[in-house]
Amino acid sequence: MKVLLASAEALPFAKVGGLADVVGSLPAALRRAGVDARVIIPGYGFIDHFRYEIEELFRFDFHHRLGAHEVILFHCEYNGICFYLLQSPPYFGLEGEVYSSWDWDTQRYIYFCQALMATLQQLSERAGWLPQVLHVNDWHTALAPFLLREHAVDDRWAGLATVMSIHNIAYQGNQAGGFLWHAGIHGRHHPDLQRFGLTDNLLGIGIAHCDMLSTVSPRYADEITYPYAGYELAPLIGERAADLRGILNGLDADLWDPATDPDLAANFSLQDFVEKRPSNKRYLQAFARLPIAPDLPLVGIVSRLAAQKGFDLALPALRSILARRDMQVVVLGTGEPELEQEFWRLEQDYGDKVRAFLQYDGALAQQIYAGCDIFLMPSHFEPCGMGQMMAMRYGALPLARETGGLADTVVNYDNADADGGTGFVFHWQEAGAVEGTLDWALDTYRDRPDAWRRMQRRALATDFSWNKSALAYKRIYLQALSKRVWT
């Protein structure tokens, strides 16, 4: 089976969020499952061609309503996977960031989908490779299934199936009608799109026209059928419920391994974490200029600082607990200026207990996962979430809200359970819920060290690899192909 994943991001070339982690690591697991999986992303100007041994495959002139633009297709092999990079100035090839402004990004990714269709034809003719399944991801590539059906070059494309994955439905590429008209893309007359007023919504167009639909956790697949999580797309998703699958994201278990991770102060495994993991906590405390106190509970946060992540709930809870209990907090992240300012103020007010690194630092993130005791993820919504899986992989226990992938991956602490669970879960979107649950976690850490070790052991032993999810994707590809007649 031949599958091409199309995305705006993919590790190691371009990363803003979890989308890059998924598209960068899933193909290797698909390969192990017998799928010829390849990836195509825009050829951003900041990508280092020399470092990744990227070479030009071919170039051609792409004629469309706005004129003719040269498309250059580059390729390379990384981690055994073929990656294609589509470069076409001024849309892709000059920029210094993955995303810029709303209006320019909308135009760029509409163009990317159009150029992708032409590139598929060239790839078939010049390189002799044509996918059987086109797997698009989020709104940036969601127009492709529509173009494939409505603007296909000839009947050879009738058998090419499409799967679309929703990684975060809050970002939809809506109000794109003027840009679509300008690009010469008409005929968006799907009855559901018209009925629900979504003919100008790029993600909605993809949902309506793809053969199969997936999202990144079983719980999130249920949540987005309701208006509180699916927003205006909930009715359309309801119409596609029979074709929707929730497939949990995975981790690259070889890359994210505390036994071999070079960024850790001390490597450890399930067998020796009790003896060796504490060295990472001491290192983190020293690096953060906090008192080195091995028995003091340390709360870690590694996150994009955005409203979605629930820090409006966490900050009042942290202030209240820091004022009355002994604990430490280390924060790493950037995002909304208001939240950055609040964490900076928290550090100013509790400088002997709190350190806020308002930056991106991949190595420090790994050290926080390996050094903290409690990993805080109070998200209002979380399609899947990688932080809680990373934390458990590195022996930290998540404190998370019961939503999306957090509900699917964190087993709540239970005194009656011999293994204890893998974290602490709250439900209500209230600061008091965060505070009460954090008090509960701190009490457990202090009063029940044996139970804490059992929870760590269970967390470390949890299998978050892509293997199971890759098989689920293979099944959804087969289901998509069954809706097409290969010619």
Foldseek 3Di string as FASTA:
>chain_A
DEEEEEELAAPPFADDDCVNQQRPALVVLLVVVVYQYAYEHAAAQVGDCVVQVKAWDDKDWDQFPVGIWIWIWIWGADPNHIYIHIYTPPLHRYDDHSDDDLVSLLLSLVVVLVVVLVVQVVCCVPVVDHGQEYEYEALSNLCNLVCLVPVHPDPLSQLRAYEYEYAALVDWSAPQVVSCVSRVNDDLVQPVCVVLVNSRTSNLSSLSRHLAYEYAAQQLLVVLLDCVRVPSCNVVSVVRNVRYYHFHGFHACVQLAQQDPPLAPWRDALVCCVPTLLVLQQVLCVVQVADRDSLAAEEEEEDAPDVQQLVVLVLVLVVVCLVPHGHAYEYEYAYDPVSVVSLVVVCVVCVNHYGYHHYDDPSVLLSRLSRHAEYEGAGPEGQADDSCLSSLLNQHAYEYECHHNVVVQWFDADPVDPLRTQHHYFHDSHSVRVNVRVVVVSCCSPPPVVSSSSNSSVSNPDHRHCNVSSVVVVVSSVSSSVVGDND
